[in-house]
Amino acid sequence: MLNVKCLNIMKRVIKNSILMVIAAIAMTTCEDEKSISVTGIEFVNQNDFVVVTVGDTYQLTATVEPSNATEKGVIWSSSNASIASVSGSGLVTGNLPGLVEIAAITIDGAKSTAIEMMVTNPVVGIIFRGDMEIALNEKAFPKYGFMPPSAINTGVKWTSSAPSIVAVDDNTGEITGLEYGNATITAVLLENEEITGSFKVEVKLISVTGVALTRNTLNLNIGGTSTLEYAILPNNADNKEVTWSTSDENIATVDELTGLITAIAVGEAIITVTTEEGGFTDDCTVTVLAEAINLLINGSFEVPGTATEPVPGWTHVPVEWYPTYYTFTFDPPAGAYTTVAVQSTIPDFFSSAASGNNVAYMLNNATCGIYQLVDVTPGTTYTYKVDIGIRSQNAQQNTPMESIKILCENGITVHHRHMVREAAIAAGFVAGGNPLVLQAAGSFVAPEGVYRIRFQIDQCTRHVDGDTRTTQVFFDGCELFEQ
């Protein structure tokens, strides 16, 4: 049996061991309760600048210092998610070309780091619409694109496998057919010369398929001359040679090579153009007249019209056109917009060249006008004449502005003549008396490429100093002749 002394010693040993275990557990618990603060954050094995391609991903990794920091979590953000987005694990996805900054931030927000990234979209291929055929001496541009379509840095340089057959501008890619034959045209990407694309070009004879005159009727006075414009079809056909002929040399002759038409006698003749290749033809009926024909319909207004069509042959000028014709800095136009009517008047109105007893009548203080569309020949000279009558209804004079305009169909002015009331003209008025008659005459040349013009007469009345004044304006004897 153990004695009492031994038992007491054993009890003390056990008690001390228990106390030591409790102390150790307490110390560990205290250390766990003590937080280790973050002192920094940095990217792992990372350059200062990263390039990512659109659609590709790039993994970023950031470490928190110290390694035993209590909270090691990281929050990721992008300065422009439309260019590059970043996941919670630091995986970056390129979305659109551009520059973006990706940041890693500690959870407590106390520390952060960032890296600049470029998202690029390089060309991976050059594609062409297809091979081309061009005529000798024809110039053309290739149709091509890049893969992907949104790629950047798409500059290319051009080369030809046979520059003596097909020349190519090394900057613009414009090709020119120099000889009959074939060549391969190649585009090389300036940013990466390994990226290329090519297509074949054949310089071949382009056959004629037809010919078309720009007009199929022509009026000439005896002794008058003219030429006709034409187009070979297709427009890149090689052989553009033609010859000219007439159905009746007694009425109108035509130079076989130049196409110059000369009117000989009253009547009609058919002028024909014929292609050298294929014998394709087109015709123009030439009417030879003893006297010049007024190209304006109802120019003396002898057909008065009806309530629904007040001036046959003419069209009213829309009111919305007037702001482009008349602008006044001190007074707006006084007269309200009205239609143009036809009335009979006394012979005293007419100038010597006018005829009949009807005139186009602008109402008192009116803003109005009429026009006709007339076919013309580019480069041909035309003459016109219009008789204008102005009659004051009282002693005070306002200021009407009468205008003759020759315009293209799209409104571009070819010729413009203003008849402006001046003091000398105003002195000729007698209140309520016969009209003061003026004659506007002039000439113009139809511009190249213009085959129809708008012959327009109009007026706009304005007041001076706000006075109430009335003026009547008449038009008559409108004539337009081809020279």
Protein backbone atom coordinates (compact mmCIF):
# COMPACT_ATOMS: atom_id res chain seq x y z
CA MET A 1 0.00 0.00 0.00
CA LEU A 2 1.10 3.47 -0.83
CA ASN A 3 1.73 5.60 2.06
CA VAL A 4 0.02 8.87 2.64
CA LYS A 5 3.04 10.92 1.63
CA CYS A 6 3.17 9.40 -1.83
CA LEU A 7 -0.50 10.01 -2.37
CA ASN A 8 -0.16 13.67 -1.55
CA ILE A 9 2.72 14.05 -4.01
CA MET A 10 0.72 12.47 -6.81
CA LYS A 11 -2.26 14.75 -6.15
CA ARG A 12 -0.07 17.85 -6.42
CA VAL A 13 1.40 16.68 -9.76
CA ILE A 14 -1.99 16.05 -11.26
CA LYS A 15 -3.30 19.42 -10.06
CA ASN A 16 -0.35 21.29 -11.54
CA SER A 17 -0.76 19.52 -14.91
CA ILE A 18 -4.39 20.48 -15.10
CA LEU A 19 -3.52 24.10 -14.32
CA MET A 20 -0.88 24.14 -17.07
CA VAL A 21 -3.36 22.81 -19.66
CA ILE A 22 -5.92 25.42 -18.66
CA ALA A 23 -3.29 28.15 -18.92
CA ALA A 24 -2.24 26.99 -22.39
CA ILE A 25 -5.83 26.95 -23.58
CA ALA A 26 -6.38 30.44 -22.22
CA MET A 27 -3.26 31.77 -23.96
CA THR A 28 -4.36 30.28 -27.30
CA THR A 29 -7.81 31.82 -26.96
CA CYS A 30 -6.30 35.24 -26.31
CA GLU A 31 -4.08 34.98 -29.37
CA ASP A 32 -7.14 34.05 -31.57
CA GLU A 33 -9.02 37.03 -30.30
CA LYS A 34 -6.13 39.37 -31.32
CA SER A 35 -6.71 40.72 -35.04
CA ILE A 36 -3.77 41.01 -37.49
CA SER A 37 -4.25 44.21 -39.69
CA VAL A 38 -3.55 44.40 -43.43
CA THR A 39 -0.45 46.41 -44.34
CA GLY A 40 -0.54 46.17 -48.14
CA ILE A 41 -1.76 44.45 -51.31
CA GLU A 42 0.09 43.69 -54.55
CA PHE A 43 -0.28 41.74 -57.79
CA VAL A 44 1.55 38.42 -58.10
CA ASN A 45 4.08 38.03 -60.94
CA GLN A 46 2.47 40.82 -62.98
CA ASN A 47 3.81 43.47 -65.40
CA ASP A 48 2.73 47.08 -65.11
CA PHE A 49 0.76 46.94 -68.41
CA VAL A 50 -1.30 44.09 -69.87
CA VAL A 51 -2.77 43.66 -73.37
CA VAL A 52 -5.93 41.57 -73.82
CA THR A 53 -7.75 40.73 -77.04
CA VAL A 54 -11.49 41.27 -77.35
CA GLY A 55 -13.22 38.06 -76.24
CA ASP A 56 -10.18 36.70 -74.40
CA THR A 57 -9.69 36.46 -70.62
CA TYR A 58 -6.75 37.20 -68.34
CA GLN A 59 -6.35 36.04 -64.72
CA LEU A 60 -5.07 38.55 -62.19
CA THR A 61 -3.94 37.46 -58.71
CA ALA A 62 -3.39 39.77 -55.74
CA THR A 63 -1.88 38.93 -52.33
CA VAL A 64 -2.54 40.68 -49.04
CA GLU A 65 0.31 41.49 -46.66
CA PRO A 66 1.16 40.26 -44.12
CA SER A 67 0.54 36.64 -44.95
CA ASN A 68 -1.05 36.08 -41.56
CA ALA A 69 -3.40 39.04 -41.84
CA THR A 70 -6.72 38.33 -40.26
CA GLU A 71 -8.77 39.31 -43.38
CA LYS A 72 -7.26 38.35 -46.74
CA GLY A 73 -10.29 38.96 -48.96
CA VAL A 74 -9.99 41.13 -52.11
CA ILE A 75 -12.63 43.16 -53.99
CA TRP A 76 -12.11 43.61 -57.77
CA SER A 77 -13.36 46.52 -59.91
CA SER A 78 -13.02 47.91 -63.47
CA SER A 79 -12.89 51.59 -64.42
CA ASN A 80 -14.97 50.79 -67.53
CA ALA A 81 -16.76 47.47 -67.61
CA SER A 82 -17.84 48.00 -71.22
CA ILE A 83 -14.16 47.77 -72.23
CA ALA A 84 -13.12 45.07 -69.75
CA SER A 85 -15.06 43.42 -66.93
CA VAL A 86 -13.56 41.59 -63.95
CA SER A 87 -15.02 38.77 -61.85
CA GLY A 88 -14.83 38.35 -58.09
CA SER A 89 -11.83 36.05 -58.55
CA GLY A 90 -9.87 38.57 -60.67
CA LEU A 91 -10.63 37.03 -64.09
CA VAL A 92 -10.63 39.88 -66.64
CA THR A 93 -12.64 39.64 -69.92
CA GLY A 94 -11.90 41.95 -72.88
CA ASN A 95 -15.13 43.39 -74.30
CA LEU A 96 -14.28 46.39 -76.50
CA PRO A 97 -11.06 48.03 -77.72
CA GLY A 98 -9.74 50.66 -75.32
CA LEU A 99 -7.81 51.39 -72.13
CA VAL A 100 -9.10 50.37 -68.72
CA GLU A 101 -7.84 50.19 -65.14
CA ILE A 102 -8.46 47.08 -63.03
CA ALA A 103 -8.20 47.59 -59.25
CA ALA A 104 -7.80 45.15 -56.35
CA ILE A 105 -9.01 46.53 -52.98
CA THR A 106 -8.76 44.97 -49.53
CA ILE A 107 -12.09 44.25 -47.86
CA ASP A 108 -11.50 46.91 -45.26
CA GLY A 109 -10.86 49.39 -48.09
CA ALA A 110 -7.66 50.57 -46.54
CA LYS A 111 -5.29 49.28 -49.19
CA SER A 112 -5.53 48.96 -52.98
CA THR A 113 -3.50 48.47 -56.12
CA ALA A 114 -4.35 48.85 -59.81
CA ILE A 115 -3.05 47.84 -63.20
CA GLU A 116 -3.67 49.43 -66.61
CA MET A 117 -4.88 47.11 -69.36
CA MET A 118 -5.37 47.63 -73.08
CA VAL A 119 -8.10 45.71 -74.84
CA THR A 120 -7.32 45.39 -78.52
CA ASN A 121 -9.11 43.86 -81.48
CA PRO A 122 -6.47 42.98 -84.05
CA VAL A 123 -7.12 41.96 -87.62
CA VAL A 124 -6.98 38.22 -88.09
CA GLY A 125 -7.93 38.13 -91.75
CA ILE A 126 -8.57 40.23 -94.91
CA ILE A 127 -11.47 39.08 -97.06
CA PHE A 128 -12.50 40.22 -100.56
CA ARG A 129 -15.91 40.24 -102.19
CA GLY A 130 -14.54 38.25 -105.08
CA ASP A 131 -12.45 38.41 -108.22
CA MET A 132 -12.91 41.33 -110.60
CA GLU A 133 -13.16 41.98 -114.31
CA ILE A 134 -12.26 45.40 -115.68
CA ALA A 135 -11.88 46.93 -119.09
CA LEU A 136 -8.67 48.20 -120.63
CA ASN A 137 -7.74 51.56 -119.04
CA GLU A 138 -10.60 51.21 -116.55
CA LYS A 139 -9.99 52.21 -112.94
CA ALA A 140 -11.74 50.57 -109.99
CA PHE A 141 -11.47 50.00 -106.25
CA PRO A 142 -11.63 46.51 -104.70
CA LYS A 143 -14.39 45.70 -102.23
CA TYR A 144 -12.95 44.12 -99.09
CA GLY A 145 -13.30 43.88 -95.32
CA PHE A 146 -11.58 42.62 -92.20
CA MET A 147 -12.11 39.84 -89.70
CA PRO A 148 -13.37 40.55 -87.17
CA PRO A 149 -15.48 43.41 -88.60
CA SER A 150 -14.78 45.52 -85.50
CA ALA A 151 -11.01 45.12 -85.80
CA ILE A 152 -8.78 48.17 -85.38
CA ASN A 153 -5.51 49.18 -87.05
CA THR A 154 -6.73 48.13 -90.49
CA GLY A 155 -4.13 49.93 -92.59
CA VAL A 156 -2.85 47.89 -95.56
CA LYS A 157 -0.41 48.22 -98.44
CA TRP A 158 -1.13 46.86 -101.91
CA THR A 159 0.90 44.99 -104.51
CA SER A 160 0.23 43.53 -107.95
CA SER A 161 1.68 40.28 -109.22
CA ALA A 162 1.75 41.76 -112.76
CA PRO A 163 1.94 45.57 -112.56
CA SER A 164 2.32 45.84 -116.35
CA ILE A 165 -1.15 44.26 -116.72
CA VAL A 166 -2.93 45.63 -113.62
CA ALA A 167 -1.37 48.52 -111.76
CA VAL A 168 -2.38 49.14 -108.14
CA ASP A 169 -1.92 52.20 -105.95
CA ASP A 170 0.02 50.91 -102.94
CA ASN A 171 -1.85 53.27 -100.59
CA THR A 172 -5.46 53.43 -101.87
CA GLY A 173 -5.75 50.05 -103.62
CA GLU A 174 -7.10 51.64 -106.83
CA ILE A 175 -6.46 49.30 -109.76
CA THR A 176 -6.00 50.21 -113.44
CA GLY A 177 -6.20 47.84 -116.39
CA LEU A 178 -3.13 48.43 -118.57
CA GLU A 179 -3.06 45.33 -120.79
CA TYR A 180 -5.33 42.38 -121.45
CA GLY A 181 -4.48 39.55 -119.07
CA ASN A 182 -4.61 38.52 -115.41
CA ALA A 183 -2.98 39.65 -112.18
CA THR A 184 -3.29 38.92 -108.47
CA ILE A 185 -3.72 41.90 -106.17
CA THR A 186 -2.57 41.42 -102.56
CA ALA A 187 -3.27 43.48 -99.45
CA VAL A 188 -0.77 43.21 -96.58
CA LEU A 189 -1.69 44.39 -93.08
CA LEU A 190 0.73 47.10 -91.95
CA GLU A 191 0.47 46.11 -88.27
CA ASN A 192 1.20 42.44 -88.98
CA GLU A 193 2.61 41.53 -92.38
CA GLU A 194 1.72 37.89 -91.82
CA ILE A 195 -1.94 38.87 -92.30
CA THR A 196 -2.69 39.10 -96.04
CA GLY A 197 -5.54 38.76 -98.49
CA SER A 198 -5.69 38.63 -102.28
CA PHE A 199 -8.01 38.45 -105.29
CA LYS A 200 -7.64 38.04 -109.04
CA VAL A 201 -8.24 40.71 -111.67
CA GLU A 202 -8.83 40.02 -115.34
CA VAL A 203 -8.46 42.81 -117.86
CA LYS A 204 -10.81 41.80 -120.62
CA LEU A 205 -12.69 43.22 -123.55
CA ILE A 206 -16.05 44.58 -122.33
CA SER A 207 -18.57 44.19 -125.11
CA VAL A 208 -21.08 46.88 -126.10
CA THR A 209 -24.70 46.00 -125.27
CA GLY A 210 -26.47 49.16 -126.46
CA VAL A 211 -26.53 52.93 -126.92
CA ALA A 212 -28.94 55.53 -125.52
CA LEU A 213 -29.51 59.15 -126.54
CA THR A 214 -30.28 61.64 -123.79
CA ARG A 215 -33.21 63.00 -125.83
CA ASN A 216 -35.34 61.62 -128.65
CA THR A 217 -36.90 64.82 -130.02
CA LEU A 218 -35.28 68.06 -131.14
CA ASN A 219 -36.64 71.27 -132.70
CA LEU A 220 -34.42 73.41 -134.92
CA ASN A 221 -35.02 76.47 -137.06
CA ILE A 222 -33.80 76.47 -140.63
CA GLY A 223 -30.03 76.97 -140.49
CA GLY A 224 -29.85 75.94 -136.85
CA THR A 225 -27.33 73.38 -135.61
CA SER A 226 -27.10 71.07 -132.62
CA THR A 227 -25.49 67.88 -131.37
CA LEU A 228 -26.93 65.00 -129.36
CA GLU A 229 -25.45 63.47 -126.24
CA TYR A 230 -25.38 59.69 -125.89
CA ALA A 231 -24.16 56.91 -123.62
CA ILE A 232 -22.61 53.58 -124.59
CA LEU A 233 -23.89 50.63 -122.55
CA PRO A 234 -22.34 49.43 -120.35
CA ASN A 235 -20.41 52.56 -119.45
CA ASN A 236 -17.14 50.61 -119.17
CA ALA A 237 -17.40 49.05 -122.63
CA ASP A 238 -14.12 49.22 -124.51
CA ASN A 239 -15.34 50.32 -127.93
CA LYS A 240 -17.16 53.64 -127.66
CA GLU A 241 -17.00 54.52 -131.35
CA VAL A 242 -20.27 55.50 -133.09
CA THR A 243 -21.43 56.84 -136.45
CA TRP A 244 -24.35 59.14 -137.29
CA SER A 245 -26.88 59.10 -140.13
CA THR A 246 -30.02 60.95 -141.23
CA SER A 247 -33.21 59.67 -142.82
CA ASP A 248 -33.54 62.75 -145.05
CA GLU A 249 -30.60 64.96 -145.96
CA ASN A 250 -33.00 67.42 -147.58
CA ILE A 251 -34.49 68.19 -144.17
CA ALA A 252 -31.51 67.79 -141.81
CA THR A 253 -27.94 66.64 -142.34
CA VAL A 254 -25.63 65.13 -139.75
CA ASP A 255 -21.86 64.78 -139.72
CA GLU A 256 -21.10 61.05 -139.73
CA LEU A 257 -18.26 61.35 -137.22
CA THR A 258 -19.04 64.39 -135.03
CA GLY A 259 -22.83 64.11 -134.98
CA LEU A 260 -23.33 67.82 -135.78
CA ILE A 261 -26.92 68.28 -137.05
CA THR A 262 -27.80 71.09 -139.46
CA ALA A 263 -31.41 72.05 -140.24
CA ILE A 264 -31.92 72.45 -144.03
CA ALA A 265 -35.65 72.75 -144.72
CA VAL A 266 -39.01 72.57 -142.97
CA GLY A 267 -39.99 68.99 -142.10
CA GLU A 268 -38.89 66.01 -140.03
CA ALA A 269 -35.84 63.78 -140.23
CA ILE A 270 -34.69 60.84 -138.09
CA ILE A 271 -31.13 61.13 -136.81
CA THR A 272 -29.66 57.74 -135.86
CA VAL A 273 -26.58 56.91 -133.80
CA THR A 274 -25.03 53.47 -134.42
CA THR A 275 -22.34 51.74 -132.36
CA GLU A 276 -19.30 50.47 -134.23
CA GLU A 277 -19.40 47.26 -132.19
CA GLY A 278 -22.64 45.35 -132.39
CA GLY A 279 -24.49 47.88 -134.56
CA PHE A 280 -26.78 49.02 -131.73
CA THR A 281 -28.85 52.13 -132.52
CA ASP A 282 -31.02 54.87 -131.03
CA ASP A 283 -33.00 57.60 -132.82
CA CYS A 284 -33.96 61.23 -132.42
CA THR A 285 -36.74 62.92 -134.39
CA VAL A 286 -35.59 66.34 -135.57
CA THR A 287 -38.31 68.82 -136.50
CA VAL A 288 -37.12 71.71 -138.65
CA LEU A 289 -39.25 74.87 -138.40
CA ALA A 290 -39.38 78.02 -140.46
CA GLU A 291 -39.59 80.20 -137.37
CA ALA A 292 -38.56 79.80 -133.77
CA ILE A 293 -41.16 78.14 -131.52
CA ASN A 294 -42.07 79.55 -128.14
CA LEU A 295 -41.18 76.76 -125.72
CA LEU A 296 -43.69 78.09 -123.18
CA ILE A 297 -47.27 76.87 -123.24
CA ASN A 298 -49.98 79.58 -123.11
CA GLY A 299 -47.30 82.26 -122.79
CA SER A 300 -49.75 85.07 -123.66
CA PHE A 301 -52.47 83.63 -121.39
CA GLU A 302 -55.06 83.59 -124.18
CA VAL A 303 -56.47 80.39 -122.64
CA PRO A 304 -57.95 81.81 -119.44
CA GLY A 305 -58.68 78.49 -117.76
CA THR A 306 -61.32 77.59 -115.21
CA ALA A 307 -61.89 77.97 -111.51
CA THR A 308 -60.00 74.74 -110.84
CA GLU A 309 -57.21 75.47 -113.32
CA PRO A 310 -56.81 79.25 -113.47
CA VAL A 311 -53.76 79.33 -115.77
CA PRO A 312 -53.50 76.32 -118.13
CA GLY A 313 -49.94 75.24 -118.84
CA TRP A 314 -48.65 76.90 -115.68
CA THR A 315 -48.26 75.75 -112.04
CA HIS A 316 -48.58 77.99 -108.99
CA VAL A 317 -45.39 78.67 -107.04
CA PRO A 318 -45.81 77.15 -103.53
CA VAL A 319 -45.80 79.71 -100.75
CA GLU A 320 -43.05 77.81 -98.89
CA TRP A 321 -40.59 78.60 -101.71
CA TYR A 322 -40.73 82.35 -101.11
CA PRO A 323 -38.45 82.64 -98.06
CA THR A 324 -35.58 81.42 -100.26
CA TYR A 325 -36.31 84.15 -102.85
CA TYR A 326 -37.08 87.30 -100.87
CA THR A 327 -35.61 88.44 -97.55
CA PHE A 328 -36.07 91.94 -96.16
CA THR A 329 -34.16 93.32 -93.23
CA PHE A 330 -36.42 96.33 -92.57
CA ASP A 331 -39.87 95.07 -93.52
CA PRO A 332 -41.42 91.64 -94.03
CA PRO A 333 -43.40 90.95 -97.19
CA ALA A 334 -46.72 92.75 -96.90
CA GLY A 335 -48.93 90.83 -99.30
CA ALA A 336 -50.59 87.58 -98.40
CA TYR A 337 -49.98 84.58 -100.68
CA THR A 338 -52.64 84.28 -103.40
CA THR A 339 -53.21 82.40 -106.64
CA VAL A 340 -52.66 83.91 -110.09
CA ALA A 341 -55.70 84.67 -112.21
CA VAL A 342 -56.22 85.67 -115.88
CA GLN A 343 -58.17 88.78 -116.86
CA SER A 344 -58.77 90.93 -119.91
CA THR A 345 -57.18 94.37 -120.03
CA ILE A 346 -57.00 97.37 -122.31
CA PRO A 347 -54.50 97.35 -125.21
CA ASP A 348 -52.60 100.22 -123.53
CA PHE A 349 -50.98 97.66 -121.28
CA PHE A 350 -49.12 95.77 -123.94
CA SER A 351 -45.69 96.40 -125.29
CA SER A 352 -45.17 96.07 -129.02
CA ALA A 353 -44.16 92.41 -128.78
CA ALA A 354 -47.18 91.26 -126.77
CA SER A 355 -50.33 89.82 -128.30
CA GLY A 356 -53.95 89.23 -127.34
CA ASN A 357 -56.02 90.82 -124.62
CA ASN A 358 -55.42 88.53 -121.62
CA VAL A 359 -52.82 88.93 -118.89
CA ALA A 360 -51.80 87.02 -115.77
CA TYR A 361 -53.00 89.17 -112.90
CA MET A 362 -51.40 89.41 -109.46
CA LEU A 363 -53.84 90.69 -106.83
CA ASN A 364 -53.19 93.91 -104.93
CA ASN A 365 -50.27 93.49 -102.53
CA ALA A 366 -50.07 89.79 -103.41
CA THR A 367 -47.21 87.37 -103.06
CA CYS A 368 -47.61 84.76 -105.79
CA GLY A 369 -46.21 83.34 -109.02
CA ILE A 370 -46.42 80.64 -111.70
CA TYR A 371 -43.92 78.38 -113.47
CA GLN A 372 -43.48 75.80 -116.24
CA LEU A 373 -41.05 72.89 -116.65
CA VAL A 374 -39.30 73.05 -120.04
CA ASP A 375 -36.99 70.48 -121.67
CA VAL A 376 -33.65 71.98 -122.73
CA THR A 377 -30.37 70.86 -124.28
CA PRO A 378 -27.22 71.22 -122.12
CA GLY A 379 -24.82 73.83 -123.49
CA THR A 380 -27.51 75.45 -125.67
CA THR A 381 -28.31 79.18 -125.44
CA TYR A 382 -31.89 80.27 -124.79
CA THR A 383 -33.49 83.72 -124.91
CA TYR A 384 -36.58 84.87 -123.03
CA LYS A 385 -38.91 87.86 -122.84
CA VAL A 386 -41.65 88.79 -120.40
CA ASP A 387 -43.85 91.94 -120.45
CA ILE A 388 -44.57 93.29 -116.99
CA GLY A 389 -47.24 95.90 -116.21
CA ILE A 390 -47.43 97.76 -112.90
CA ARG A 391 -50.38 99.98 -111.97
CA SER A 392 -50.76 101.95 -108.74
CA GLN A 393 -54.21 102.24 -107.21
CA ASN A 394 -53.43 105.32 -105.12
CA ALA A 395 -50.91 108.14 -104.89
CA GLN A 396 -48.67 106.35 -102.37
CA GLN A 397 -46.32 103.80 -103.84
CA ASN A 398 -45.28 100.56 -102.23
CA THR A 399 -42.46 98.41 -103.59
CA PRO A 400 -43.34 95.26 -105.53
CA MET A 401 -40.44 93.06 -106.65
CA GLU A 402 -41.09 91.16 -109.87
CA SER A 403 -38.73 88.37 -110.77
CA ILE A 404 -37.98 86.08 -113.71
CA LYS A 405 -36.14 82.95 -112.59
CA ILE A 406 -34.59 80.14 -114.60
CA LEU A 407 -33.95 77.23 -112.25
CA CYS A 408 -33.04 73.55 -112.42
CA GLU A 409 -35.75 71.13 -111.34
CA ASN A 410 -34.08 70.85 -107.93
CA GLY A 411 -34.32 74.63 -107.41
CA ILE A 412 -30.70 75.57 -108.19
CA THR A 413 -30.70 78.93 -109.96
CA VAL A 414 -29.45 79.06 -113.55
CA HIS A 415 -30.46 82.66 -114.28
CA HIS A 416 -32.21 85.35 -112.22
CA ARG A 417 -33.60 88.73 -113.25
CA HIS A 418 -35.11 91.12 -110.69
CA MET A 419 -37.36 93.97 -111.87
CA VAL A 420 -37.04 96.30 -108.89
CA ARG A 421 -39.20 99.43 -108.52
CA GLU A 422 -37.00 102.52 -108.38
CA ALA A 423 -37.76 106.21 -107.98
CA ALA A 424 -37.48 106.84 -111.72
CA ILE A 425 -40.03 104.10 -112.42
CA ALA A 426 -42.32 105.31 -109.63
CA ALA A 427 -42.36 108.78 -111.18
CA GLY A 428 -44.03 107.32 -114.27
CA PHE A 429 -47.10 106.19 -112.35
CA VAL A 430 -50.46 107.88 -112.43
CA ALA A 431 -52.72 106.70 -109.63
CA GLY A 432 -55.44 104.54 -111.10
CA GLY A 433 -54.17 105.16 -114.64
CA ASN A 434 -52.80 102.85 -117.33
CA PRO A 435 -50.06 100.44 -116.28
CA LEU A 436 -46.42 101.30 -116.63
CA VAL A 437 -45.07 98.60 -118.94
CA LEU A 438 -41.60 97.12 -118.59
CA GLN A 439 -40.04 94.39 -120.68
CA ALA A 440 -37.67 91.89 -119.12
CA ALA A 441 -35.47 90.12 -121.66
CA GLY A 442 -32.31 88.10 -121.41
CA SER A 443 -30.51 84.89 -122.26
CA PHE A 444 -28.89 81.95 -120.51
CA VAL A 445 -27.01 78.76 -121.33
CA ALA A 446 -28.40 75.45 -120.09
CA PRO A 447 -25.75 73.94 -117.78
CA GLU A 448 -24.07 70.65 -118.57
CA GLY A 449 -26.12 67.74 -117.34
CA VAL A 450 -29.32 69.80 -117.10
CA TYR A 451 -32.11 68.61 -119.40
CA ARG A 452 -35.09 70.38 -117.84
CA ILE A 453 -35.45 73.85 -116.33
CA ARG A 454 -38.13 75.66 -114.37
CA PHE A 455 -39.21 78.94 -116.04
CA GLN A 456 -40.76 80.99 -113.24
CA ILE A 457 -42.33 84.46 -112.90
CA ASP A 458 -43.35 85.74 -109.48
CA GLN A 459 -43.72 88.82 -107.34
CA CYS A 460 -43.49 89.77 -103.69
CA THR A 461 -44.94 93.10 -102.47
CA ARG A 462 -43.60 94.86 -99.40
CA HIS A 463 -44.73 98.00 -97.61
CA VAL A 464 -42.51 100.92 -96.70
CA ASP A 465 -42.89 102.48 -93.25
CA GLY A 466 -46.07 100.47 -92.64
CA ASP A 467 -48.20 102.55 -95.06
CA THR A 468 -51.25 100.97 -96.68
CA ARG A 469 -50.56 101.00 -100.40
CA THR A 470 -51.97 99.02 -103.27
CA THR A 471 -50.28 97.97 -106.50
CA GLN A 472 -51.44 95.69 -109.30
CA VAL A 473 -48.93 93.63 -111.28
CA PHE A 474 -49.56 91.94 -114.66
CA PHE A 475 -47.51 89.48 -116.74
CA ASP A 476 -47.94 88.87 -120.47
CA GLY A 477 -46.05 87.92 -123.63
CA CYS A 478 -43.90 85.22 -121.98
CA GLU A 479 -41.54 83.78 -124.57
CA LEU A 480 -38.65 81.27 -124.43
CA PHE A 481 -36.68 80.37 -127.55
CA GLU A 482 -33.82 78.02 -128.31
CA GLN A 483 -31.03 79.68 -130.26
